[in-house]
Amino acid sequence: MGRPIAKSFETSLQLLPWTSPEGKPCYLSADSGNSSLSRLADEMEEAQIANGVKVLGGAKAVMADPKVGVRELRFTAARLAESLRDLLRIAESRGQRLPASDEPGSDDPENGHPGGASQDSSHWS
């Protein structure tokens, strides 16, 4: 009984790679790791990752074309945003399934980001 209810609830559910018709997150009991629904979620994640790779390739081609119009740029930006949303959801779901690390040095105390990640975007030029 030493474990808080909210934490127990949070770790016993897996965030699925889709939302309800109302846009709310969907979860699966983590106890059903090899169920048909769990396998479907894994397959959908893999499809979303593959789609993100395709979208990125297409976006690079669009950006390389100096004659591309606003309409094509907007379409490309919309597809990139959709792919990023899907991939961030996958990262969140998979991150929730990682065991907590008690190892010293697993977080970088200088910038407060796990693994020394930095939010500096100045390299995006």
N, C-alpha and C. Protein backbone atom coordinates (compact mmCIF):
# COMPACT_ATOMS: atom_id res chain seq x y z
N MET A 1 0.81 -1.20 0.00
CA MET A 1 0.00 0.00 0.00
C MET A 1 0.85 1.26 0.00
N GLY A 2 2.16 1.15 -0.09
CA GLY A 2 3.02 2.31 -0.06
C GLY A 2 3.04 3.08 -1.36
N ARG A 3 2.41 2.59 -2.38
CA ARG A 3 2.43 3.23 -3.70
C ARG A 3 1.19 4.09 -3.89
N PRO A 4 1.36 5.35 -4.32
CA PRO A 4 0.18 6.21 -4.53
C PRO A 4 -0.71 5.66 -5.65
N ILE A 5 -1.99 5.86 -5.51
CA ILE A 5 -2.95 5.36 -6.49
C ILE A 5 -2.70 5.96 -7.86
N ALA A 6 -2.45 7.26 -7.94
CA ALA A 6 -2.25 7.91 -9.24
C ALA A 6 -1.05 7.31 -9.97
N LYS A 7 0.04 7.07 -9.26
CA LYS A 7 1.23 6.51 -9.89
C LYS A 7 0.95 5.08 -10.36
N SER A 8 0.26 4.30 -9.55
CA SER A 8 -0.09 2.93 -9.93
C SER A 8 -0.97 2.93 -11.17
N PHE A 9 -1.93 3.83 -11.20
CA PHE A 9 -2.83 3.94 -12.36
C PHE A 9 -2.04 4.33 -13.60
N GLU A 10 -1.12 5.31 -13.44
CA GLU A 10 -0.35 5.83 -14.56
C GLU A 10 0.55 4.76 -15.18
N THR A 11 1.17 3.92 -14.36
CA THR A 11 2.11 2.94 -14.89
C THR A 11 1.42 1.66 -15.35
N SER A 12 0.16 1.46 -15.00
CA SER A 12 -0.51 0.24 -15.41
C SER A 12 -1.22 0.39 -16.75
N LEU A 13 -1.15 1.56 -17.36
CA LEU A 13 -1.81 1.80 -18.63
C LEU A 13 -0.80 2.20 -19.70
N GLN A 14 -1.05 1.76 -20.92
CA GLN A 14 -0.21 2.10 -22.07
C GLN A 14 -0.98 3.07 -22.95
N LEU A 15 -0.36 4.20 -23.27
CA LEU A 15 -0.96 5.17 -24.18
C LEU A 15 -0.96 4.57 -25.58
N LEU A 16 -2.12 4.54 -26.22
CA LEU A 16 -2.23 3.97 -27.56
C LEU A 16 -1.96 5.03 -28.63
N PRO A 17 -1.58 4.62 -29.83
CA PRO A 17 -1.22 5.58 -30.88
C PRO A 17 -2.42 6.18 -31.61
N TRP A 18 -3.57 6.18 -31.00
CA TRP A 18 -4.74 6.80 -31.60
C TRP A 18 -5.57 7.44 -30.50
N THR A 19 -6.52 8.26 -30.90
CA THR A 19 -7.40 8.92 -29.94
C THR A 19 -8.84 8.48 -30.19
N SER A 20 -9.70 8.83 -29.25
CA SER A 20 -11.12 8.56 -29.41
C SER A 20 -11.69 9.50 -30.46
N PRO A 21 -12.92 9.27 -30.93
CA PRO A 21 -13.54 10.20 -31.89
C PRO A 21 -13.61 11.64 -31.36
N GLU A 22 -13.61 11.78 -30.03
CA GLU A 22 -13.65 13.11 -29.42
C GLU A 22 -12.25 13.70 -29.25
N GLY A 23 -11.21 12.96 -29.67
CA GLY A 23 -9.84 13.44 -29.56
C GLY A 23 -9.17 13.17 -28.22
N LYS A 24 -9.80 12.34 -27.40
CA LYS A 24 -9.23 12.03 -26.08
C LYS A 24 -8.26 10.85 -26.20
N PRO A 25 -7.25 10.82 -25.31
CA PRO A 25 -6.28 9.71 -25.36
C PRO A 25 -6.96 8.37 -25.07
N CYS A 26 -6.44 7.32 -25.68
CA CYS A 26 -6.91 5.96 -25.43
C CYS A 26 -5.79 5.19 -24.76
N TYR A 27 -6.15 4.33 -23.83
CA TYR A 27 -5.18 3.56 -23.07
C TYR A 27 -5.52 2.09 -23.10
N LEU A 28 -4.50 1.28 -22.89
CA LEU A 28 -4.64 -0.17 -22.81
C LEU A 28 -3.97 -0.62 -21.53
N SER A 29 -4.58 -1.56 -20.85
CA SER A 29 -3.97 -2.10 -19.64
C SER A 29 -2.62 -2.71 -19.99
N ALA A 30 -1.59 -2.31 -19.26
CA ALA A 30 -0.23 -2.81 -19.53
C ALA A 30 -0.13 -4.31 -19.25
N ASP A 31 -1.09 -4.86 -18.54
CA ASP A 31 -1.09 -6.29 -18.26
C ASP A 31 -1.39 -7.12 -19.50
N SER A 32 -1.93 -6.48 -20.55
CA SER A 32 -2.30 -7.21 -21.76
C SER A 32 -1.25 -7.00 -22.85
N GLY A 33 0.02 -7.18 -22.51
CA GLY A 33 1.14 -6.91 -23.39
C GLY A 33 1.18 -7.68 -24.68
N ASN A 34 0.56 -8.84 -24.75
CA ASN A 34 0.59 -9.63 -25.98
C ASN A 34 -0.81 -9.87 -26.53
N SER A 35 -1.72 -8.99 -26.21
CA SER A 35 -3.10 -9.13 -26.71
C SER A 35 -3.15 -8.67 -28.16
N SER A 36 -4.24 -9.00 -28.84
CA SER A 36 -4.39 -8.58 -30.24
C SER A 36 -4.43 -7.06 -30.34
N LEU A 37 -5.02 -6.38 -29.36
CA LEU A 37 -5.06 -4.92 -29.37
C LEU A 37 -3.66 -4.33 -29.16
N SER A 38 -2.88 -4.95 -28.30
CA SER A 38 -1.50 -4.50 -28.09
C SER A 38 -0.67 -4.68 -29.36
N ARG A 39 -0.84 -5.79 -30.04
CA ARG A 39 -0.12 -6.03 -31.30
C ARG A 39 -0.57 -5.04 -32.37
N LEU A 40 -1.87 -4.74 -32.41
CA LEU A 40 -2.39 -3.74 -33.36
C LEU A 40 -1.76 -2.38 -33.08
N ALA A 41 -1.66 -2.01 -31.82
CA ALA A 41 -1.04 -0.73 -31.45
C ALA A 41 0.42 -0.69 -31.90
N ASP A 42 1.14 -1.79 -31.68
CA ASP A 42 2.55 -1.86 -32.12
C ASP A 42 2.66 -1.72 -33.63
N GLU A 43 1.77 -2.40 -34.36
CA GLU A 43 1.79 -2.32 -35.83
C GLU A 43 1.47 -0.90 -36.30
N MET A 44 0.53 -0.24 -35.62
CA MET A 44 0.16 1.12 -36.00
C MET A 44 1.32 2.07 -35.72
N GLU A 45 2.01 1.88 -34.60
CA GLU A 45 3.17 2.72 -34.30
C GLU A 45 4.22 2.57 -35.40
N GLU A 46 4.49 1.34 -35.81
CA GLU A 46 5.48 1.11 -36.86
C GLU A 46 5.05 1.76 -38.18
N ALA A 47 3.76 1.70 -38.50
CA ALA A 47 3.25 2.34 -39.72
C ALA A 47 3.38 3.86 -39.61
N GLN A 48 3.11 4.41 -38.44
CA GLN A 48 3.22 5.86 -38.25
C GLN A 48 4.68 6.31 -38.37
N ILE A 49 5.60 5.51 -37.85
CA ILE A 49 7.02 5.84 -37.97
C ILE A 49 7.44 5.79 -39.44
N ALA A 50 7.03 4.75 -40.15
CA ALA A 50 7.36 4.63 -41.58
C ALA A 50 6.77 5.80 -42.36
N ASN A 51 5.55 6.19 -42.04
CA ASN A 51 4.91 7.32 -42.71
C ASN A 51 5.68 8.61 -42.43
N GLY A 52 6.14 8.78 -41.20
CA GLY A 52 6.92 9.96 -40.85
C GLY A 52 8.20 10.06 -41.68
N VAL A 53 8.83 8.91 -41.92
CA VAL A 53 10.04 8.88 -42.75
C VAL A 53 9.70 9.32 -44.18
N LYS A 54 8.58 8.82 -44.71
CA LYS A 54 8.15 9.20 -46.07
C LYS A 54 7.83 10.69 -46.15
N VAL A 55 7.11 11.18 -45.16
CA VAL A 55 6.74 12.60 -45.15
C VAL A 55 7.99 13.47 -45.09
N LEU A 56 8.94 13.08 -44.26
CA LEU A 56 10.19 13.85 -44.17
C LEU A 56 10.91 13.87 -45.52
N GLY A 57 10.97 12.74 -46.19
CA GLY A 57 11.59 12.68 -47.51
C GLY A 57 10.89 13.58 -48.51
N GLY A 58 9.57 13.55 -48.50
CA GLY A 58 8.79 14.41 -49.39
C GLY A 58 8.99 15.88 -49.07
N ALA A 59 9.07 16.20 -47.78
CA ALA A 59 9.27 17.59 -47.37
C ALA A 59 10.63 18.10 -47.83
N LYS A 60 11.64 17.25 -47.74
CA LYS A 60 12.97 17.65 -48.21
C LYS A 60 12.94 17.97 -49.71
N ALA A 61 12.21 17.15 -50.47
CA ALA A 61 12.10 17.39 -51.91
C ALA A 61 11.37 18.69 -52.20
N VAL A 62 10.30 18.96 -51.47
CA VAL A 62 9.54 20.20 -51.66
C VAL A 62 10.42 21.40 -51.32
N MET A 63 11.14 21.32 -50.21
CA MET A 63 11.99 22.44 -49.79
C MET A 63 13.15 22.68 -50.74
N ALA A 64 13.57 21.65 -51.46
CA ALA A 64 14.68 21.79 -52.40
C ALA A 64 14.24 22.43 -53.72
N ASP A 65 12.95 22.50 -53.95
CA ASP A 65 12.42 23.05 -55.20
C ASP A 65 12.20 24.56 -55.06
N PRO A 66 13.00 25.38 -55.71
CA PRO A 66 12.85 26.83 -55.56
C PRO A 66 11.56 27.38 -56.18
N LYS A 67 10.90 26.60 -57.00
CA LYS A 67 9.67 27.05 -57.66
C LYS A 67 8.39 26.63 -56.94
N VAL A 68 8.54 25.99 -55.80
CA VAL A 68 7.37 25.48 -55.09
C VAL A 68 6.48 26.64 -54.63
N GLY A 69 5.19 26.41 -54.69
CA GLY A 69 4.24 27.46 -54.32
C GLY A 69 3.79 27.37 -52.87
N VAL A 70 3.07 28.39 -52.46
CA VAL A 70 2.57 28.47 -51.09
C VAL A 70 1.66 27.29 -50.77
N ARG A 71 0.83 26.92 -51.72
CA ARG A 71 -0.11 25.81 -51.50
C ARG A 71 0.63 24.51 -51.17
N GLU A 72 1.70 24.22 -51.91
CA GLU A 72 2.49 23.02 -51.67
C GLU A 72 3.21 23.10 -50.33
N LEU A 73 3.70 24.29 -49.99
CA LEU A 73 4.37 24.47 -48.70
C LEU A 73 3.40 24.26 -47.54
N ARG A 74 2.20 24.79 -47.67
CA ARG A 74 1.19 24.61 -46.61
C ARG A 74 0.81 23.13 -46.46
N PHE A 75 0.63 22.45 -47.59
CA PHE A 75 0.30 21.03 -47.56
C PHE A 75 1.43 20.25 -46.87
N THR A 76 2.66 20.56 -47.25
CA THR A 76 3.82 19.89 -46.66
C THR A 76 3.90 20.16 -45.17
N ALA A 77 3.69 21.40 -44.77
CA ALA A 77 3.73 21.75 -43.35
C ALA A 77 2.65 21.01 -42.57
N ALA A 78 1.48 20.87 -43.15
CA ALA A 78 0.39 20.15 -42.48
C ALA A 78 0.75 18.68 -42.29
N ARG A 79 1.33 18.05 -43.33
CA ARG A 79 1.73 16.64 -43.21
C ARG A 79 2.85 16.47 -42.18
N LEU A 80 3.81 17.41 -42.17
CA LEU A 80 4.89 17.36 -41.18
C LEU A 80 4.33 17.48 -39.76
N ALA A 81 3.38 18.38 -39.56
CA ALA A 81 2.76 18.56 -38.24
C ALA A 81 2.04 17.30 -37.79
N GLU A 82 1.30 16.67 -38.72
CA GLU A 82 0.60 15.42 -38.39
C GLU A 82 1.59 14.33 -38.00
N SER A 83 2.67 14.21 -38.76
CA SER A 83 3.67 13.18 -38.47
C SER A 83 4.36 13.45 -37.15
N LEU A 84 4.68 14.72 -36.89
CA LEU A 84 5.33 15.06 -35.62
C LEU A 84 4.41 14.74 -34.46
N ARG A 85 3.13 15.05 -34.59
CA ARG A 85 2.15 14.73 -33.53
C ARG A 85 2.14 13.22 -33.26
N ASP A 86 2.10 12.42 -34.33
CA ASP A 86 2.08 10.96 -34.16
C ASP A 86 3.36 10.46 -33.50
N LEU A 87 4.50 10.98 -33.95
CA LEU A 87 5.78 10.51 -33.42
C LEU A 87 6.01 10.95 -31.98
N LEU A 88 5.52 12.14 -31.63
CA LEU A 88 5.62 12.56 -30.23
C LEU A 88 4.74 11.68 -29.33
N ARG A 89 3.59 11.28 -29.83
CA ARG A 89 2.71 10.40 -29.06
C ARG A 89 3.38 9.05 -28.84
N ILE A 90 4.03 8.53 -29.89
CA ILE A 90 4.76 7.26 -29.77
C ILE A 90 5.89 7.40 -28.75
N ALA A 91 6.63 8.50 -28.83
CA ALA A 91 7.74 8.72 -27.89
C ALA A 91 7.22 8.80 -26.46
N GLU A 92 6.10 9.49 -26.26
CA GLU A 92 5.51 9.59 -24.93
C GLU A 92 5.10 8.21 -24.42
N SER A 93 4.44 7.45 -25.27
CA SER A 93 3.98 6.12 -24.88
C SER A 93 5.15 5.21 -24.53
N ARG A 94 6.18 5.22 -25.38
CA ARG A 94 7.33 4.36 -25.13
C ARG A 94 8.13 4.83 -23.93
N GLY A 95 8.19 6.14 -23.74
CA GLY A 95 8.88 6.68 -22.57
C GLY A 95 8.20 6.27 -21.28
N GLN A 96 6.89 6.20 -21.27
CA GLN A 96 6.15 5.78 -20.08
C GLN A 96 6.41 4.32 -19.75
N ARG A 97 6.82 3.54 -20.75
CA ARG A 97 7.06 2.11 -20.54
C ARG A 97 8.49 1.82 -20.10
N LEU A 98 9.38 2.83 -20.15
CA LEU A 98 10.76 2.61 -19.74
C LEU A 98 10.83 2.52 -18.22
N PRO A 99 11.70 1.63 -17.72
CA PRO A 99 11.86 1.58 -16.26
C PRO A 99 12.56 2.84 -15.78
N ALA A 100 12.23 3.27 -14.59
CA ALA A 100 12.87 4.45 -14.01
C ALA A 100 14.34 4.14 -13.76
N SER A 101 15.19 5.09 -14.07
CA SER A 101 16.62 4.90 -13.89
C SER A 101 17.05 5.53 -12.58
N ASP A 102 17.76 4.73 -11.76
CA ASP A 102 18.30 5.23 -10.50
C ASP A 102 19.80 5.45 -10.62
N GLU A 103 20.34 5.32 -11.84
CA GLU A 103 21.77 5.45 -12.03
C GLU A 103 22.19 6.91 -11.95
N PRO A 104 23.30 7.18 -11.23
CA PRO A 104 23.80 8.56 -11.21
C PRO A 104 24.29 8.94 -12.60
N GLY A 105 24.07 10.21 -12.96
CA GLY A 105 24.54 10.70 -14.25
C GLY A 105 23.55 10.46 -15.37
N SER A 106 22.37 9.88 -15.08
CA SER A 106 21.41 9.64 -16.15
C SER A 106 20.72 10.92 -16.59
N ASP A 107 20.76 11.94 -15.74
CA ASP A 107 20.23 13.25 -16.09
C ASP A 107 21.35 14.27 -16.02
N ASP A 108 21.29 15.27 -16.86
CA ASP A 108 22.29 16.31 -16.87
C ASP A 108 21.80 17.46 -15.99
N PRO A 109 22.38 17.65 -14.81
CA PRO A 109 21.88 18.69 -13.91
C PRO A 109 22.12 20.11 -14.42
N GLU A 110 23.04 20.29 -15.37
CA GLU A 110 23.34 21.63 -15.85
C GLU A 110 22.18 22.23 -16.63
N ASN A 111 21.51 21.42 -17.45
CA ASN A 111 20.41 22.00 -18.23
C ASN A 111 19.06 21.38 -17.89
N GLY A 112 19.03 20.44 -16.98
CA GLY A 112 17.77 19.89 -16.52
C GLY A 112 17.08 18.97 -17.50
N HIS A 113 17.78 18.52 -18.54
CA HIS A 113 17.17 17.64 -19.53
C HIS A 113 17.79 16.26 -19.45
N PRO A 114 16.98 15.21 -19.51
CA PRO A 114 17.50 13.85 -19.45
C PRO A 114 18.56 13.61 -20.52
N GLY A 115 19.61 12.92 -20.12
CA GLY A 115 20.64 12.52 -21.07
C GLY A 115 21.41 13.69 -21.65
N GLY A 116 21.31 14.86 -21.04
CA GLY A 116 22.06 16.01 -21.52
C GLY A 116 21.43 16.68 -22.72
N ALA A 117 20.17 16.37 -23.05
CA ALA A 117 19.51 16.99 -24.19
C ALA A 117 19.37 18.49 -23.94
N SER A 118 19.49 19.24 -24.98
CA SER A 118 19.41 20.70 -24.86
C SER A 118 18.27 21.22 -25.69
N GLN A 119 17.65 22.28 -25.22
CA GLN A 119 16.58 22.89 -25.99
C GLN A 119 17.10 23.99 -26.90
N ASP A 120 18.40 24.15 -27.01
CA ASP A 120 18.99 25.16 -27.87
C ASP A 120 18.72 24.82 -29.33
N SER A 121 17.96 25.66 -30.00
CA SER A 121 17.63 25.40 -31.40
C SER A 121 18.43 26.28 -32.35
N SER A 122 19.51 26.87 -31.86
CA SER A 122 20.28 27.78 -32.70
C SER A 122 20.96 27.04 -33.85
N HIS A 123 21.07 25.73 -33.78
CA HIS A 123 21.68 24.96 -34.86
C HIS A 123 20.71 24.71 -36.01
N TRP A 124 19.50 25.22 -35.95
CA TRP A 124 18.50 25.05 -37.01
C TRP A 124 18.61 26.19 -38.00
N SER A 125 19.57 26.22 -38.81
CA SER A 125 19.64 27.33 -39.76
C SER A 125 19.56 26.87 -41.17
